[in-house]
Protein backbone atom coordinates (compact mmCIF):
# COMPACT_ATOMS: atom_id res chain seq x y z
CA MET A 1 68.21 60.00 35.64
CA THR A 2 65.40 57.04 36.16
CA ASN A 3 62.20 56.43 34.87
CA ALA A 4 59.35 55.98 37.55
CA ASP A 5 57.27 54.11 35.12
CA ASP A 6 60.12 51.71 34.58
CA THR A 7 58.67 48.46 37.14
CA SER A 8 62.69 47.82 37.64
CA THR A 9 63.53 51.29 39.17
CA LYS A 10 63.33 51.58 42.69
CA SER A 11 61.44 54.76 43.86
CA MET A 12 60.69 56.55 47.32
CA THR A 13 58.47 59.54 48.24
CA ILE A 14 58.94 61.54 51.42
CA ILE A 15 56.38 63.59 53.10
CA VAL A 16 58.66 66.99 54.63
CA THR A 17 56.76 68.59 57.44
CA LYS A 18 59.29 70.10 59.66
CA GLY A 19 61.31 73.68 58.83
CA SER A 20 63.92 73.79 61.62
CA LEU A 21 67.24 72.99 61.00
CA ASP A 22 67.31 69.61 62.85
CA TRP A 23 64.34 68.36 61.00
CA ALA A 24 66.00 69.60 57.65
CA TYR A 25 68.24 67.05 57.61
CA PRO A 26 66.87 63.61 57.28
CA PRO A 27 64.69 64.28 54.02
CA PHE A 28 67.55 65.48 52.16
CA ILE A 29 70.28 63.09 53.69
CA LEU A 30 67.80 60.08 52.56
CA ALA A 31 66.93 61.89 49.27
CA THR A 32 70.45 62.31 47.99
CA THR A 33 71.36 59.07 49.06
CA ALA A 34 68.78 56.95 47.46
CA ALA A 35 69.24 59.42 44.43
CA ALA A 36 72.86 58.43 44.14
CA MET A 37 72.10 54.79 44.65
CA GLY A 38 69.25 55.07 41.23
CA VAL A 39 66.52 55.24 43.18
CA ASP A 40 63.69 57.55 42.02
CA VAL A 41 62.73 60.42 44.90
CA THR A 42 60.01 62.65 45.26
CA LEU A 43 60.11 65.15 48.39
CA PHE A 44 56.35 66.46 49.18
CA PHE A 45 57.02 69.74 51.04
CA THR A 46 54.06 70.48 53.35
CA PHE A 47 52.90 73.04 56.12
CA TYR A 48 56.19 73.99 57.82
CA GLY A 49 58.35 72.09 55.78
CA LEU A 50 57.69 73.85 52.64
CA GLY A 51 59.88 77.04 53.74
CA LEU A 52 62.88 74.68 53.35
CA LEU A 53 62.15 75.29 49.73
CA LYS A 54 62.43 79.32 50.06
CA LYS A 55 65.52 80.73 48.14
CA LYS A 56 66.43 82.06 51.39
CA LEU A 57 66.71 80.03 54.56
CA ASP A 58 67.32 81.26 58.24
CA LEU A 59 66.87 77.85 59.70
CA GLN A 60 67.03 77.89 63.77
CA VAL A 61 66.82 74.62 65.99
CA THR A 62 63.87 74.46 68.57
CA THR A 63 64.93 72.86 71.75
CA LEU A 64 61.09 72.95 72.98
CA GLY A 65 59.79 69.82 73.09
CA ASN A 66 62.78 67.94 72.32
CA PRO A 67 64.32 66.20 75.14
CA ALA A 68 66.54 64.04 73.34
CA MET A 69 68.68 66.93 72.45
CA VAL A 70 71.93 66.27 73.51
CA MET A 71 75.21 68.72 72.95
CA PRO A 72 78.69 68.03 73.13
CA MET A 73 80.41 70.49 75.40
CA GLY A 74 83.69 70.35 77.27
CA GLY A 75 84.15 66.70 76.17
CA MET A 76 80.81 65.57 77.33
CA HIS A 77 77.21 65.33 76.16
CA LEU A 78 74.82 67.38 77.79
CA SER A 79 71.10 67.20 77.33
CA MET A 80 68.63 70.36 77.40
CA PRO A 81 65.86 69.82 79.79
CA ASN A 82 62.68 70.80 78.25
CA LEU A 83 61.99 73.75 80.51
CA ILE A 84 65.11 75.42 79.76
CA GLY A 85 63.92 75.50 76.08
CA ALA A 86 61.11 78.17 77.32
CA LEU A 87 63.59 80.49 78.15
CA PRO A 88 64.64 84.03 75.54
CA GLY A 89 67.67 83.38 73.84
CA VAL A 90 68.01 79.36 73.93
CA ASP A 91 66.84 78.50 70.67
CA ALA A 92 69.07 81.27 68.95
CA ALA A 93 72.00 79.83 71.26
CA ALA A 94 71.43 76.08 70.50
CA THR A 95 71.22 77.11 66.47
CA LYS A 96 74.52 78.73 66.84
CA MET A 97 75.96 75.70 68.67
CA MET A 98 74.67 73.48 65.85
CA LYS A 99 75.37 75.54 62.92
CA ASP A 100 79.28 75.85 64.70
CA MET A 101 79.41 72.04 65.08
CA ILE A 102 77.87 71.37 61.12
CA ALA A 103 80.53 73.51 60.25
CA LYS A 104 83.33 72.59 62.34
CA LYS A 105 82.71 68.74 61.59
CA GLY A 106 82.47 69.61 57.71
CA VAL A 107 78.33 68.22 57.25
CA ALA A 108 77.09 70.01 54.17
CA SER A 109 74.56 72.76 54.96
CA ILE A 110 71.04 72.36 54.06
CA GLU A 111 71.48 74.47 51.08
CA GLU A 112 73.98 72.31 49.47
CA LEU A 113 71.92 69.37 50.12
CA ARG A 114 69.17 70.89 48.29
CA ASP A 115 71.55 71.81 45.07
CA MET A 116 73.04 68.03 45.30
CA ALA A 117 69.08 66.85 45.21
CA ILE A 118 68.31 69.25 42.17
CA GLU A 119 71.54 67.97 40.33
CA CYS A 120 70.63 64.30 41.69
CA ASP A 121 66.90 65.17 39.60
CA VAL A 122 64.76 64.53 42.83
CA LYS A 123 61.35 65.71 42.08
CA MET A 124 60.45 68.44 44.65
CA ILE A 125 56.84 69.18 45.06
CA ALA A 126 55.55 72.17 46.94
CA CYS A 127 51.71 71.88 48.19
CA GLN A 128 49.79 74.20 46.62
CA MET A 129 47.29 74.01 49.43
CA THR A 130 50.03 75.18 51.94
CA MET A 131 51.41 77.99 49.41
CA ASP A 132 47.94 79.38 49.25
CA LEU A 133 47.40 79.04 53.08
CA PHE A 134 50.68 80.62 54.20
CA GLU A 135 50.45 83.30 51.34
CA PHE A 136 53.97 82.25 49.72
CA LYS A 137 54.58 83.14 46.24
CA LEU A 138 56.60 80.86 43.69
CA GLU A 139 58.87 83.65 43.02
CA ASP A 140 59.81 83.03 46.70
CA MET A 141 61.11 79.73 46.10
CA ILE A 142 63.90 77.80 44.48
CA ASP A 143 64.08 77.31 41.21
CA GLY A 144 63.42 73.49 39.78
CA ILE A 145 60.21 72.57 42.02
CA THR A 146 56.63 71.85 41.00
CA LEU A 147 53.29 72.87 42.42
CA GLY A 148 50.94 70.24 43.19
CA GLY A 149 48.71 68.81 46.02
CA ALA A 150 47.70 65.50 47.77
CA ALA A 151 47.02 63.88 44.52
CA SER A 152 50.49 64.47 43.13
CA TYR A 153 51.89 63.06 46.13
CA MET A 154 49.57 60.02 46.07
CA GLU A 155 50.30 59.35 42.22
CA ASN A 156 53.89 59.18 43.17
CA ALA A 157 53.28 57.39 46.75
CA LEU A 158 51.06 54.62 45.21
CA LYS A 159 53.69 53.18 42.90
CA SER A 160 56.69 53.72 45.18
CA ASN A 161 58.69 50.88 47.12
CA ILE A 162 59.48 53.37 50.25
CA ASN A 163 57.07 56.07 51.69
CA LEU A 164 58.49 58.23 54.42
CA TYR A 165 56.88 60.96 56.51
CA ILE A 166 59.38 63.29 58.30
């Protein structure tokens, strides 16, 4: 698609550190949008974000610690008090509601966005240190990713126009 060494080509890097359903959308939406606009994109998956590269995803929404979470219900927007997130089953219920809303509104799934990223030549780097730390195996991850460390990320970030941390 584009050449990162070409100074006329815009480039972007994103460090992906979160692996919940709600946090998975921003990096993939930004990456696929930028790639569609001709931007060279590198995603660096580390810590809990690394789970987004697993072949099989079972992403959940985390309500605890997310006081801004508002869900449309019955024609209203109801906020989820932080304390409720500590109750058993609340995350599962919120996840089901979110997945139902995503399907109802026709929003692409994370798997679809991830496939689009691959089709758009988004470079996806799995953090080798995190792979070792969490004892993940390369065969558990999707095809098309590369392994690398902080230096791999920095190599791309130092010549990028946009660097994001999500």
